[in-house]
Amino acid sequence: MSGQRLGSHAAYWRQLVLDGRAFAAGGFSNSEGGMAIVVVASAHEAEVIRAADPAIQSGVFVVTVERWRPNYRTEAPLPTAR
């Protein structure tokens, strides 16, 4: 997958994070695939974000949207990797 052009996909998710519509997004370090945590009011809004991703539109990625209810969380942002 590293040889595929994903610039528009990366720019899309970078903008979602900057806009506050995504909390985090990125690839898994030890396997194919990745995950994104979106900040939405409904499953429909998450589906709209998924459908607008250039990598989804071009068929590079297939995405499943799942609702997640964290039992424990902090108000602090995720730490930056060093």
C-alpha atoms as a PDB file:
ATOM      1  CA  MET A   1       0.000   0.000   0.000  1.00  0.00           C
ATOM      2  CA  SER A   2       2.921   2.349   0.534  1.00  0.00           C
ATOM      3  CA  GLY A   3       3.319   2.694  -3.236  1.00  0.00           C
ATOM      4  CA  GLN A   4      -0.237   3.911  -3.726  1.00  0.00           C
ATOM      5  CA  ARG A   5      -0.955   7.619  -4.034  1.00  0.00           C
ATOM      6  CA  LEU A   6      -2.780   8.647  -0.907  1.00  0.00           C
ATOM      7  CA  GLY A   7      -2.066  12.390  -0.872  1.00  0.00           C
ATOM      8  CA  SER A   8      -5.696  13.431  -1.311  1.00  0.00           C
ATOM      9  CA  HIS A   9      -6.759  10.926   1.367  1.00  0.00           C
ATOM     10  CA  ALA A  10      -4.163  12.303   3.799  1.00  0.00           C
ATOM     11  CA  ALA A  11      -5.137  15.908   3.025  1.00  0.00           C
ATOM     12  CA  TYR A  12      -8.815  15.062   3.561  1.00  0.00           C
ATOM     13  CA  TRP A  13      -8.174  13.591   7.025  1.00  0.00           C
ATOM     14  CA  ARG A  14      -5.707  16.323   7.983  1.00  0.00           C
ATOM     15  CA  GLN A  15      -8.417  18.896   7.243  1.00  0.00           C
ATOM     16  CA  LEU A  16     -11.022  16.940   9.227  1.00  0.00           C
ATOM     17  CA  VAL A  17      -8.693  16.985  12.250  1.00  0.00           C
ATOM     18  CA  LEU A  18      -8.005  20.716  11.832  1.00  0.00           C
ATOM     19  CA  ASP A  19     -11.762  21.358  11.573  1.00  0.00           C
ATOM     20  CA  GLY A  20     -12.418  19.368  14.763  1.00  0.00           C
ATOM     21  CA  ARG A  21     -14.487  16.757  12.918  1.00  0.00           C
ATOM     22  CA  ALA A  22     -11.914  14.001  13.514  1.00  0.00           C
ATOM     23  CA  PHE A  23     -10.034  13.384  16.735  1.00  0.00           C
ATOM     24  CA  ALA A  24      -7.315  11.172  15.263  1.00  0.00           C
ATOM     25  CA  ALA A  25      -6.620   9.150  12.121  1.00  0.00           C
ATOM     26  CA  GLY A  26      -3.787   7.008  10.838  1.00  0.00           C
ATOM     27  CA  GLY A  27      -2.485   3.641   9.798  1.00  0.00           C
ATOM     28  CA  PHE A  28      -1.704   0.718  12.062  1.00  0.00           C
ATOM     29  CA  SER A  29       2.013   0.350  12.722  1.00  0.00           C
ATOM     30  CA  ASN A  30       2.254  -3.454  12.487  1.00  0.00           C
ATOM     31  CA  SER A  31      -0.432  -4.376   9.971  1.00  0.00           C
ATOM     32  CA  GLU A  32      -2.441  -3.198   7.013  1.00  0.00           C
ATOM     33  CA  GLY A  33      -5.314  -0.833   7.594  1.00  0.00           C
ATOM     34  CA  GLY A  34      -5.941   2.000   9.969  1.00  0.00           C
ATOM     35  CA  MET A  35      -8.469   3.713  12.151  1.00  0.00           C
ATOM     36  CA  ALA A  36     -10.040   7.117  12.570  1.00  0.00           C
ATOM     37  CA  ILE A  37     -12.014   8.535  15.466  1.00  0.00           C
ATOM     38  CA  VAL A  38     -14.535  11.065  14.213  1.00  0.00           C
ATOM     39  CA  VAL A  39     -16.471  13.623  16.233  1.00  0.00           C
ATOM     40  CA  VAL A  40     -20.051  13.417  14.992  1.00  0.00           C
ATOM     41  CA  ALA A  41     -23.605  13.672  16.267  1.00  0.00           C
ATOM     42  CA  SER A  42     -24.921  10.665  14.341  1.00  0.00           C
ATOM     43  CA  ALA A  43     -23.984   7.521  12.459  1.00  0.00           C
ATOM     44  CA  HIS A  44     -25.277   9.218   9.323  1.00  0.00           C
ATOM     45  CA  GLU A  45     -22.728  12.024   9.706  1.00  0.00           C
ATOM     46  CA  ALA A  46     -19.946   9.425  10.078  1.00  0.00           C
ATOM     47  CA  GLU A  47     -21.153   7.742   6.881  1.00  0.00           C
ATOM     48  CA  VAL A  48     -21.065  11.091   5.049  1.00  0.00           C
ATOM     49  CA  ILE A  49     -17.444  11.602   6.148  1.00  0.00           C
ATOM     50  CA  ARG A  50     -16.564   8.055   5.079  1.00  0.00           C
ATOM     51  CA  ALA A  51     -18.213   8.435   1.673  1.00  0.00           C
ATOM     52  CA  ALA A  52     -16.385  11.712   0.949  1.00  0.00           C
ATOM     53  CA  ASP A  53     -12.918  10.212   1.529  1.00  0.00           C
ATOM     54  CA  PRO A  54     -11.035  10.198  -1.800  1.00  0.00           C
ATOM     55  CA  ALA A  55      -9.543   6.773  -1.001  1.00  0.00           C
ATOM     56  CA  ILE A  56     -13.048   5.354  -0.543  1.00  0.00           C
ATOM     57  CA  GLN A  57     -14.337   7.013  -3.698  1.00  0.00           C
ATOM     58  CA  SER A  58     -11.448   5.584  -5.746  1.00  0.00           C
ATOM     59  CA  GLY A  59     -11.813   2.093  -4.260  1.00  0.00           C
ATOM     60  CA  VAL A  60      -8.376   2.041  -2.579  1.00  0.00           C
ATOM     61  CA  PHE A  61      -9.877   1.464   0.875  1.00  0.00           C
ATOM     62  CA  VAL A  62     -12.979  -0.240   2.204  1.00  0.00           C
ATOM     63  CA  VAL A  63     -14.236   1.189   5.488  1.00  0.00           C
ATOM     64  CA  THR A  64     -16.607  -0.058   8.142  1.00  0.00           C
ATOM     65  CA  VAL A  65     -18.160   2.542  10.433  1.00  0.00           C
ATOM     66  CA  GLU A  66     -18.636   1.354  14.006  1.00  0.00           C
ATOM     67  CA  ARG A  67     -20.109   3.215  16.951  1.00  0.00           C
ATOM     68  CA  TRP A  68     -17.797   3.289  19.948  1.00  0.00           C
ATOM     69  CA  ARG A  69     -18.825   4.083  23.499  1.00  0.00           C
ATOM     70  CA  PRO A  70     -15.733   4.525  25.659  1.00  0.00           C
ATOM     71  CA  ASN A  71     -16.185   3.523  29.268  1.00  0.00           C
ATOM     72  CA  TYR A  72     -13.209   5.524  30.467  1.00  0.00           C
ATOM     73  CA  ARG A  73     -11.696   8.674  29.034  1.00  0.00           C
ATOM     74  CA  THR A  74      -9.827  11.807  29.848  1.00  0.00           C
ATOM     75  CA  GLU A  75     -10.523  15.329  28.702  1.00  0.00           C
ATOM     76  CA  ALA A  76      -6.831  15.738  27.849  1.00  0.00           C
ATOM     77  CA  PRO A  77      -5.775  15.360  24.214  1.00  0.00           C
ATOM     78  CA  LEU A  78      -3.827  12.308  23.112  1.00  0.00           C
ATOM     79  CA  PRO A  79      -0.106  12.697  23.648  1.00  0.00           C
ATOM     80  CA  THR A  80       2.105  13.192  20.617  1.00  0.00           C
ATOM     81  CA  ALA A  81       4.353  10.273  19.692  1.00  0.00           C
ATOM     82  CA  ARG A  82       8.064  10.886  20.282  1.00  0.00           C
END
